[in-house]
Amino acid sequence: MFPSWIQLTMLTIEAQQAIWLRTMRLALGGAMAEAETVRMVSEKVAACSAAARAIARGASADGVIRRYRRRVRANIKRLSPSGSRTKR
C-alpha cells in the first residue's frame, strides 16, 4: 500500500507542474493556446477511457497511476520551454 501512496503523491506533484505549464501556454493565447485546449480535452477523454479499460481488465491502482504519470511527464517535457525547442 505504501508504494501506491508514493506514486499518487508524485502524480499530484507532477500534475500541478503540468497544470501550471498549460496555464501559461493558454494565457499566451493565439493558435498555440487553441491547439493546446483541443489537445488537453482529447487527452483527458483518452486517459479516462484507458484507465477505465485497465481497471475493468483487473489492472492494479499502481499500474494505472504509473501510466498516468508517464503521460503527465511527457506533457511536462513538451510544455517546458526547454522541451519545446528542436534539437540541433
PDB file of N, CA and C in Angstrom:
ATOM      1  N   MET A   1       0.807  -1.193   0.000  1.00  0.00           N
ATOM      2  CA  MET A   1       0.000   0.000   0.000  1.00  0.00           C
ATOM      3  C   MET A   1       0.856   1.266   0.000  1.00  0.00           C
ATOM      4  N   PHE A   2       1.967   1.256   0.713  1.00  0.00           N
ATOM      5  CA  PHE A   2       2.830   2.432   0.790  1.00  0.00           C
ATOM      6  C   PHE A   2       3.347   2.879  -0.581  1.00  0.00           C
ATOM      7  N   PRO A   3       3.793   1.953  -1.442  1.00  0.00           N
ATOM      8  CA  PRO A   3       4.224   2.403  -2.776  1.00  0.00           C
ATOM      9  C   PRO A   3       3.123   3.109  -3.560  1.00  0.00           C
ATOM     10  N   SER A   4       1.875   2.683  -3.371  1.00  0.00           N
ATOM     11  CA  SER A   4       0.757   3.352  -4.058  1.00  0.00           C
ATOM     12  C   SER A   4       0.649   4.806  -3.631  1.00  0.00           C
ATOM     13  N   TRP A   5       0.849   5.074  -2.345  1.00  0.00           N
ATOM     14  CA  TRP A   5       0.782   6.450  -1.849  1.00  0.00           C
ATOM     15  C   TRP A   5       1.919   7.291  -2.417  1.00  0.00           C
ATOM     16  N   ILE A   6       3.083   6.695  -2.546  1.00  0.00           N
ATOM     17  CA  ILE A   6       4.214   7.426  -3.129  1.00  0.00           C
ATOM     18  C   ILE A   6       3.908   7.764  -4.588  1.00  0.00           C
ATOM     19  N   GLN A   7       3.409   6.782  -5.331  1.00  0.00           N
ATOM     20  CA  GLN A   7       3.059   7.023  -6.737  1.00  0.00           C
ATOM     21  C   GLN A   7       1.989   8.112  -6.855  1.00  0.00           C
ATOM     22  N   LEU A   8       0.997   8.057  -5.991  1.00  0.00           N
ATOM     23  CA  LEU A   8      -0.084   9.036  -6.034  1.00  0.00           C
ATOM     24  C   LEU A   8       0.410  10.429  -5.654  1.00  0.00           C
ATOM     25  N   THR A   9       1.296  10.501  -4.675  1.00  0.00           N
ATOM     26  CA  THR A   9       1.871  11.788  -4.282  1.00  0.00           C
ATOM     27  C   THR A   9       2.691  12.377  -5.423  1.00  0.00           C
ATOM     28  N   MET A  10       3.493  11.550  -6.063  1.00  0.00           N
ATOM     29  CA  MET A  10       4.301  12.027  -7.194  1.00  0.00           C
ATOM     30  C   MET A  10       3.408  12.474  -8.350  1.00  0.00           C
ATOM     31  N   LEU A  11       2.336  11.737  -8.603  1.00  0.00           N
ATOM     32  CA  LEU A  11       1.395  12.141  -9.658  1.00  0.00           C
ATOM     33  C   LEU A  11       0.805  13.509  -9.345  1.00  0.00           C
ATOM     34  N   THR A  12       0.467  13.729  -8.094  1.00  0.00           N
ATOM     35  CA  THR A  12      -0.107  15.010  -7.691  1.00  0.00           C
ATOM     36  C   THR A  12       0.867  16.152  -7.933  1.00  0.00           C
ATOM     37  N   ILE A  13       2.120  15.953  -7.552  1.00  0.00           N
ATOM     38  CA  ILE A  13       3.149  16.986  -7.741  1.00  0.00           C
ATOM     39  C   ILE A  13       3.377  17.245  -9.228  1.00  0.00           C
ATOM     40  N   GLU A  14       3.511  16.172 -10.003  1.00  0.00           N
ATOM     41  CA  GLU A  14       3.761  16.320 -11.439  1.00  0.00           C
ATOM     42  C   GLU A  14       2.560  16.946 -12.151  1.00  0.00           C
ATOM     43  N   ALA A  15       1.356  16.576 -11.733  1.00  0.00           N
ATOM     44  CA  ALA A  15       0.153  17.143 -12.353  1.00  0.00           C
ATOM     45  C   ALA A  15       0.085  18.650 -12.113  1.00  0.00           C
ATOM     46  N   GLN A  16       0.463  19.096 -10.918  1.00  0.00           N
ATOM     47  CA  GLN A  16       0.459  20.530 -10.632  1.00  0.00           C
ATOM     48  C   GLN A  16       1.421  21.275 -11.552  1.00  0.00           C
ATOM     49  N   GLN A  17       2.566  20.664 -11.818  1.00  0.00           N
ATOM     50  CA  GLN A  17       3.530  21.285 -12.728  1.00  0.00           C
ATOM     51  C   GLN A  17       2.946  21.359 -14.145  1.00  0.00           C
ATOM     52  N   ALA A  18       2.323  20.283 -14.589  1.00  0.00           N
ATOM     53  CA  ALA A  18       1.722  20.273 -15.925  1.00  0.00           C
ATOM     54  C   ALA A  18       0.592  21.305 -16.027  1.00  0.00           C
ATOM     55  N   ILE A  19      -0.203  21.420 -14.971  1.00  0.00           N
ATOM     56  CA  ILE A  19      -1.289  22.404 -14.962  1.00  0.00           C
ATOM     57  C   ILE A  19      -0.723  23.816 -15.073  1.00  0.00           C
ATOM     58  N   TRP A  20       0.321  24.094 -14.327  1.00  0.00           N
ATOM     59  CA  TRP A  20       0.938  25.425 -14.371  1.00  0.00           C
ATOM     60  C   TRP A  20       1.470  25.728 -15.773  1.00  0.00           C
ATOM     61  N   LEU A  21       2.176  24.754 -16.374  1.00  0.00           N
ATOM     62  CA  LEU A  21       2.731  24.964 -17.709  1.00  0.00           C
ATOM     63  C   LEU A  21       1.620  25.152 -18.747  1.00  0.00           C
ATOM     64  N   ARG A  22       0.551  24.382 -18.630  1.00  0.00           N
ATOM     65  CA  ARG A  22      -0.564  24.539 -19.563  1.00  0.00           C
ATOM     66  C   ARG A  22      -1.243  25.882 -19.380  1.00  0.00           C
ATOM     67  N   THR A  23      -1.385  26.308 -18.144  1.00  0.00           N
ATOM     68  CA  THR A  23      -1.997  27.619 -17.881  1.00  0.00           C
ATOM     69  C   THR A  23      -1.180  28.723 -18.533  1.00  0.00           C
ATOM     70  N   MET A  24       0.122  28.642 -18.441  1.00  0.00           N
ATOM     71  CA  MET A  24       0.992  29.639 -19.074  1.00  0.00           C
ATOM     72  C   MET A  24       0.817  29.613 -20.595  1.00  0.00           C
ATOM     73  N   ARG A  25       0.729  28.413 -21.155  1.00  0.00           N
ATOM     74  CA  ARG A  25       0.537  28.284 -22.601  1.00  0.00           C
ATOM     75  C   ARG A  25      -0.801  28.899 -23.014  1.00  0.00           C
ATOM     76  N   LEU A  26      -1.856  28.625 -22.241  1.00  0.00           N
ATOM     77  CA  LEU A  26      -3.176  29.157 -22.568  1.00  0.00           C
ATOM     78  C   LEU A  26      -3.228  30.670 -22.375  1.00  0.00           C
ATOM     79  N   ALA A  27      -2.503  31.178 -21.398  1.00  0.00           N
ATOM     80  CA  ALA A  27      -2.503  32.624 -21.128  1.00  0.00           C
ATOM     81  C   ALA A  27      -1.891  33.412 -22.278  1.00  0.00           C
ATOM     82  N   LEU A  28      -0.994  32.789 -23.037  1.00  0.00           N
ATOM     83  CA  LEU A  28      -0.378  33.467 -24.172  1.00  0.00           C
ATOM     84  C   LEU A  28      -1.377  33.684 -25.309  1.00  0.00           C
ATOM     85  N   GLY A  29      -2.423  32.837 -25.353  1.00  0.00           N
ATOM     86  CA  GLY A  29      -3.446  32.971 -26.386  1.00  0.00           C
ATOM     87  C   GLY A  29      -2.941  32.547 -27.750  1.00  0.00           C
ATOM     88  N   GLY A  30      -3.731  32.815 -28.741  1.00  0.00           N
ATOM     89  CA  GLY A  30      -3.350  32.521 -30.119  1.00  0.00           C
ATOM     90  C   GLY A  30      -3.589  31.077 -30.519  1.00  0.00           C
ATOM     91  N   ALA A  31      -3.009  30.722 -31.648  1.00  0.00           N
ATOM     92  CA  ALA A  31      -3.203  29.397 -32.233  1.00  0.00           C
ATOM     93  C   ALA A  31      -2.647  28.288 -31.343  1.00  0.00           C
ATOM     94  N   MET A  32      -1.509  28.565 -30.683  1.00  0.00           N
ATOM     95  CA  MET A  32      -0.928  27.541 -29.813  1.00  0.00           C
ATOM     96  C   MET A  32      -1.849  27.246 -28.629  1.00  0.00           C
ATOM     97  N   ALA A  33      -2.492  28.267 -28.106  1.00  0.00           N
ATOM     98  CA  ALA A  33      -3.420  28.075 -26.985  1.00  0.00           C
ATOM     99  C   ALA A  33      -4.646  27.275 -27.433  1.00  0.00           C
ATOM    100  N   GLU A  34      -5.145  27.589 -28.610  1.00  0.00           N
ATOM    101  CA  GLU A  34      -6.293  26.841 -29.129  1.00  0.00           C
ATOM    102  C   GLU A  34      -5.942  25.378 -29.334  1.00  0.00           C
ATOM    103  N   ALA A  35      -4.785  25.132 -29.937  1.00  0.00           N
ATOM    104  CA  ALA A  35      -4.344  23.756 -30.164  1.00  0.00           C
ATOM    105  C   ALA A  35      -4.152  23.019 -28.838  1.00  0.00           C
ATOM    106  N   GLU A  36      -3.605  23.715 -27.848  1.00  0.00           N
ATOM    107  CA  GLU A  36      -3.387  23.100 -26.541  1.00  0.00           C
ATOM    108  C   GLU A  36      -4.708  22.749 -25.868  1.00  0.00           C
ATOM    109  N   THR A  37      -5.706  23.610 -26.025  1.00  0.00           N
ATOM    110  CA  THR A  37      -7.020  23.345 -25.446  1.00  0.00           C
ATOM    111  C   THR A  37      -7.639  22.089 -26.049  1.00  0.00           C
ATOM    112  N   VAL A  38      -7.585  21.977 -27.358  1.00  0.00           N
ATOM    113  CA  VAL A  38      -8.128  20.801 -28.037  1.00  0.00           C
ATOM    114  C   VAL A  38      -7.364  19.555 -27.600  1.00  0.00           C
ATOM    115  N   ARG A  39      -6.044  19.660 -27.564  1.00  0.00           N
ATOM    116  CA  ARG A  39      -5.211  18.519 -27.163  1.00  0.00           C
ATOM    117  C   ARG A  39      -5.517  18.108 -25.726  1.00  0.00           C
ATOM    118  N   MET A  40      -5.642  19.093 -24.842  1.00  0.00           N
ATOM    119  CA  MET A  40      -5.891  18.819 -23.439  1.00  0.00           C
ATOM    120  C   MET A  40      -7.201  18.044 -23.256  1.00  0.00           C
ATOM    121  N   VAL A  41      -8.257  18.491 -23.902  1.00  0.00           N
ATOM    122  CA  VAL A  41      -9.550  17.826 -23.757  1.00  0.00           C
ATOM    123  C   VAL A  41      -9.498  16.410 -24.330  1.00  0.00           C
ATOM    124  N   SER A  42      -8.910  16.254 -25.500  1.00  0.00           N
ATOM    125  CA  SER A  42      -8.850  14.915 -26.101  1.00  0.00           C
ATOM    126  C   SER A  42      -7.973  13.974 -25.276  1.00  0.00           C
ATOM    127  N   GLU A  43      -6.886  14.497 -24.683  1.00  0.00           N
ATOM    128  CA  GLU A  43      -6.040  13.666 -23.813  1.00  0.00           C
ATOM    129  C   GLU A  43      -6.806  13.214 -22.579  1.00  0.00           C
ATOM    130  N   LYS A  44      -7.600  14.109 -22.004  1.00  0.00           N
ATOM    131  CA  LYS A  44      -8.364  13.760 -20.799  1.00  0.00           C
ATOM    132  C   LYS A  44      -9.354  12.640 -21.100  1.00  0.00           C
ATOM    133  N   VAL A  45     -10.059  12.758 -22.217  1.00  0.00           N
ATOM    134  CA  VAL A  45     -11.031  11.736 -22.591  1.00  0.00           C
ATOM    135  C   VAL A  45     -10.325  10.405 -22.840  1.00  0.00           C
ATOM    136  N   ALA A  46      -9.219  10.436 -23.561  1.00  0.00           N
ATOM    137  CA  ALA A  46      -8.476   9.210 -23.861  1.00  0.00           C
ATOM    138  C   ALA A  46      -7.904   8.582 -22.590  1.00  0.00           C
ATOM    139  N   ALA A  47      -7.371   9.405 -21.688  1.00  0.00           N
ATOM    140  CA  ALA A  47      -6.785   8.888 -20.452  1.00  0.00           C
ATOM    141  C   ALA A  47      -7.852   8.255 -19.560  1.00  0.00           C
ATOM    142  N   CYS A  48      -8.988   8.890 -19.464  1.00  0.00           N
ATOM    143  CA  CYS A  48     -10.084   8.354 -18.655  1.00  0.00           C
ATOM    144  C   CYS A  48     -10.568   7.024 -19.226  1.00  0.00           C
ATOM    145  N   SER A  49     -10.711   6.980 -20.521  1.00  0.00           N
ATOM    146  CA  SER A  49     -11.150   5.763 -21.196  1.00  0.00           C
ATOM    147  C   SER A  49     -10.139   4.629 -20.994  1.00  0.00           C
ATOM    148  N   ALA A  50      -8.851   4.954 -21.143  1.00  0.00           N
ATOM    149  CA  ALA A  50      -7.805   3.939 -20.964  1.00  0.00           C
ATOM    150  C   ALA A  50      -7.771   3.430 -19.527  1.00  0.00           C
ATOM    151  N   ALA A  51      -7.922   4.330 -18.565  1.00  0.00           N
ATOM    152  CA  ALA A  51      -7.925   3.925 -17.157  1.00  0.00           C
ATOM    153  C   ALA A  51      -9.119   3.023 -16.859  1.00  0.00           C
ATOM    154  N   ALA A  52     -10.275   3.375 -17.385  1.00  0.00           N
ATOM    155  CA  ALA A  52     -11.471   2.558 -17.160  1.00  0.00           C
ATOM    156  C   ALA A  52     -11.303   1.164 -17.750  1.00  0.00           C
ATOM    157  N   ARG A  53     -10.739   1.096 -18.960  1.00  0.00           N
ATOM    158  CA  ARG A  53     -10.496  -0.213 -19.572  1.00  0.00           C
ATOM    159  C   ARG A  53      -9.503  -1.024 -18.748  1.00  0.00           C
ATOM    160  N   ALA A  54      -8.433  -0.379 -18.286  1.00  0.00           N
ATOM    161  CA  ALA A  54      -7.422  -1.084 -17.499  1.00  0.00           C
ATOM    162  C   ALA A  54      -8.016  -1.623 -16.202  1.00  0.00           C
ATOM    163  N   ILE A  55      -8.813  -0.809 -15.532  1.00  0.00           N
ATOM    164  CA  ILE A  55      -9.442  -1.246 -14.281  1.00  0.00           C
ATOM    165  C   ILE A  55     -10.414  -2.393 -14.548  1.00  0.00           C
ATOM    166  N   ALA A  56     -11.166  -2.302 -15.636  1.00  0.00           N
ATOM    167  CA  ALA A  56     -12.107  -3.372 -15.986  1.00  0.00           C
ATOM    168  C   ALA A  56     -11.387  -4.675 -16.271  1.00  0.00           C
ATOM    169  N   ARG A  57     -10.165  -4.570 -16.750  1.00  0.00           N
ATOM    170  CA  ARG A  57      -9.358  -5.773 -17.042  1.00  0.00           C
ATOM    171  C   ARG A  57      -8.598  -6.267 -15.821  1.00  0.00           C
ATOM    172  N   GLY A  58      -8.748  -5.562 -14.707  1.00  0.00           N
ATOM    173  CA  GLY A  58      -8.115  -6.023 -13.474  1.00  0.00           C
ATOM    174  C   GLY A  58      -6.763  -5.413 -13.170  1.00  0.00           C
ATOM    175  N   ALA A  59      -6.419  -4.301 -13.798  1.00  0.00           N
ATOM    176  CA  ALA A  59      -5.129  -3.652 -13.538  1.00  0.00           C
ATOM    177  C   ALA A  59      -5.102  -3.131 -12.106  1.00  0.00           C
ATOM    178  N   SER A  60      -3.915  -3.067 -11.559  1.00  0.00           N
ATOM    179  CA  SER A  60      -3.753  -2.543 -10.203  1.00  0.00           C
ATOM    180  C   SER A  60      -3.805  -1.020 -10.222  1.00  0.00           C
ATOM    181  N   ALA A  61      -4.075  -0.457  -9.066  1.00  0.00           N
ATOM    182  CA  ALA A  61      -4.072   1.002  -8.949  1.00  0.00           C
ATOM    183  C   ALA A  61      -2.689   1.549  -9.284  1.00  0.00           C
ATOM    184  N   ASP A  62      -1.643   0.858  -8.820  1.00  0.00           N
ATOM    185  CA  ASP A  62      -0.284   1.293  -9.133  1.00  0.00           C
ATOM    186  C   ASP A  62      -0.042   1.352 -10.639  1.00  0.00           C
ATOM    187  N   GLY A  63      -0.522   0.356 -11.344  1.00  0.00           N
ATOM    188  CA  GLY A  63      -0.339   0.329 -12.793  1.00  0.00           C
ATOM    189  C   GLY A  63      -1.023   1.490 -13.484  1.00  0.00           C
ATOM    190  N   VAL A  64      -2.233   1.786 -13.060  1.00  0.00           N
ATOM    191  CA  VAL A  64      -2.981   2.901 -13.652  1.00  0.00           C
ATOM    192  C   VAL A  64      -2.284   4.222 -13.329  1.00  0.00           C
ATOM    193  N   ILE A  65      -1.847   4.389 -12.092  1.00  0.00           N
ATOM    194  CA  ILE A  65      -1.168   5.625 -11.696  1.00  0.00           C
ATOM    195  C   ILE A  65       0.151   5.778 -12.439  1.00  0.00           C
ATOM    196  N   ARG A  66       0.913   4.704 -12.586  1.00  0.00           N
ATOM    197  CA  ARG A  66       2.182   4.789 -13.332  1.00  0.00           C
ATOM    198  C   ARG A  66       1.950   5.224 -14.775  1.00  0.00           C
ATOM    199  N   ARG A  67       0.884   4.701 -15.390  1.00  0.00           N
ATOM    200  CA  ARG A  67       0.563   5.075 -16.774  1.00  0.00           C
ATOM    201  C   ARG A  67       0.220   6.566 -16.862  1.00  0.00           C
ATOM    202  N   TYR A  68      -0.575   7.050 -15.913  1.00  0.00           N
ATOM    203  CA  TYR A  68      -0.903   8.476 -15.863  1.00  0.00           C
ATOM    204  C   TYR A  68       0.360   9.310 -15.676  1.00  0.00           C
ATOM    205  N   ARG A  69       1.255   8.866 -14.785  1.00  0.00           N
ATOM    206  CA  ARG A  69       2.486   9.628 -14.530  1.00  0.00           C
ATOM    207  C   ARG A  69       3.332   9.746 -15.787  1.00  0.00           C
ATOM    208  N   ARG A  70       3.413   8.675 -16.574  1.00  0.00           N
ATOM    209  CA  ARG A  70       4.182   8.739 -17.829  1.00  0.00           C
ATOM    210  C   ARG A  70       3.603   9.803 -18.752  1.00  0.00           C
ATOM    211  N   ARG A  71       2.285   9.841 -18.852  1.00  0.00           N
ATOM    212  CA  ARG A  71       1.645  10.830 -19.726  1.00  0.00           C
ATOM    213  C   ARG A  71       1.837  12.249 -19.210  1.00  0.00           C
ATOM    214  N   VAL A  72       1.731  12.413 -17.903  1.00  0.00           N
ATOM    215  CA  VAL A  72       1.916  13.746 -17.316  1.00  0.00           C
ATOM    216  C   VAL A  72       3.355  14.208 -17.524  1.00  0.00           C
ATOM    217  N   ARG A  73       4.327  13.328 -17.302  1.00  0.00           N
ATOM    218  CA  ARG A  73       5.735  13.716 -17.508  1.00  0.00           C
ATOM    219  C   ARG A  73       6.013  14.058 -18.965  1.00  0.00           C
ATOM    220  N   ALA A  74       5.375  13.344 -19.887  1.00  0.00           N
ATOM    221  CA  ALA A  74       5.544  13.674 -21.313  1.00  0.00           C
ATOM    222  C   ALA A  74       4.988  15.062 -21.613  1.00  0.00           C
ATOM    223  N   ASN A  75       3.868  15.397 -20.995  1.00  0.00           N
ATOM    224  CA  ASN A  75       3.306  16.741 -21.183  1.00  0.00           C
ATOM    225  C   ASN A  75       4.215  17.804 -20.579  1.00  0.00           C
ATOM    226  N   ILE A  76       4.776  17.535 -19.415  1.00  0.00           N
ATOM    227  CA  ILE A  76       5.698  18.493 -18.800  1.00  0.00           C
ATOM    228  C   ILE A  76       6.881  18.741 -19.722  1.00  0.00           C
ATOM    229  N   LYS A  77       7.414  17.676 -20.255  1.00  0.00           N
ATOM    230  CA  LYS A  77       8.568  17.809 -21.159  1.00  0.00           C
ATOM    231  C   LYS A  77       8.184  18.614 -22.409  1.00  0.00           C
ATOM    232  N   ARG A  78       7.022  18.323 -22.965  1.00  0.00           N
ATOM    233  CA  ARG A  78       6.578  19.019 -24.178  1.00  0.00           C
ATOM    234  C   ARG A  78       6.273  20.486 -23.915  1.00  0.00           C
ATOM    235  N   LEU A  79       5.679  20.786 -22.769  1.00  0.00           N
ATOM    236  CA  LEU A  79       5.264  22.151 -22.469  1.00  0.00           C
ATOM    237  C   LEU A  79       6.376  23.017 -21.900  1.00  0.00           C
ATOM    238  N   SER A  80       7.433  22.395 -21.393  1.00  0.00           N
ATOM    239  CA  SER A  80       8.541  23.159 -20.816  1.00  0.00           C
ATOM    240  C   SER A  80       9.264  23.941 -21.906  1.00  0.00           C
ATOM    241  N   PRO A  81       9.747  25.136 -21.564  1.00  0.00           N
ATOM    242  CA  PRO A  81      10.474  25.933 -22.564  1.00  0.00           C
ATOM    243  C   PRO A  81      11.639  25.157 -23.187  1.00  0.00           C
ATOM    244  N   SER A  82      12.358  24.392 -22.403  1.00  0.00           N
ATOM    245  CA  SER A  82      13.475  23.624 -22.947  1.00  0.00           C
ATOM    246  C   SER A  82      12.993  22.429 -23.752  1.00  0.00           C
ATOM    247  N   GLY A  83      11.787  21.909 -23.463  1.00  0.00           N
ATOM    248  CA  GLY A  83      11.251  20.769 -24.176  1.00  0.00           C
ATOM    249  C   GLY A  83      10.664  21.112 -25.520  1.00  0.00           C
ATOM    250  N   SER A  84      10.315  22.387 -25.732  1.00  0.00           N
ATOM    251  CA  SER A  84       9.696  22.779 -26.983  1.00  0.00           C
ATOM    252  C   SER A  84      10.703  23.156 -28.060  1.00  0.00           C
ATOM    253  N   ARG A  85      11.950  23.258 -27.686  1.00  0.00           N
ATOM    254  CA  ARG A  85      12.979  23.588 -28.677  1.00  0.00           C
ATOM    255  C   ARG A  85      13.338  22.345 -29.483  1.00  0.00           C
ATOM    256  N   THR A  86      13.658  22.556 -30.731  1.00  0.00           N
ATOM    257  CA  THR A  86      14.104  21.437 -31.550  1.00  0.00           C
ATOM    258  C   THR A  86      15.584  21.225 -31.308  1.00  0.00           C
ATOM    259  N   LYS A  87      15.997  19.973 -31.330  1.00  0.00           N
ATOM    260  CA  LYS A  87      17.415  19.670 -31.125  1.00  0.00           C
ATOM    261  C   LYS A  87      18.182  19.944 -32.398  1.00  0.00           C
ATOM    262  N   ARG A  88      19.376  20.453 -32.222  1.00  0.00           N
ATOM    263  CA  ARG A  88      20.214  20.771 -33.399  1.00  0.00           C
ATOM    264  C   ARG A  88      21.263  19.723 -33.590  1.00  0.00           C
TER     265      ARG A  88
END
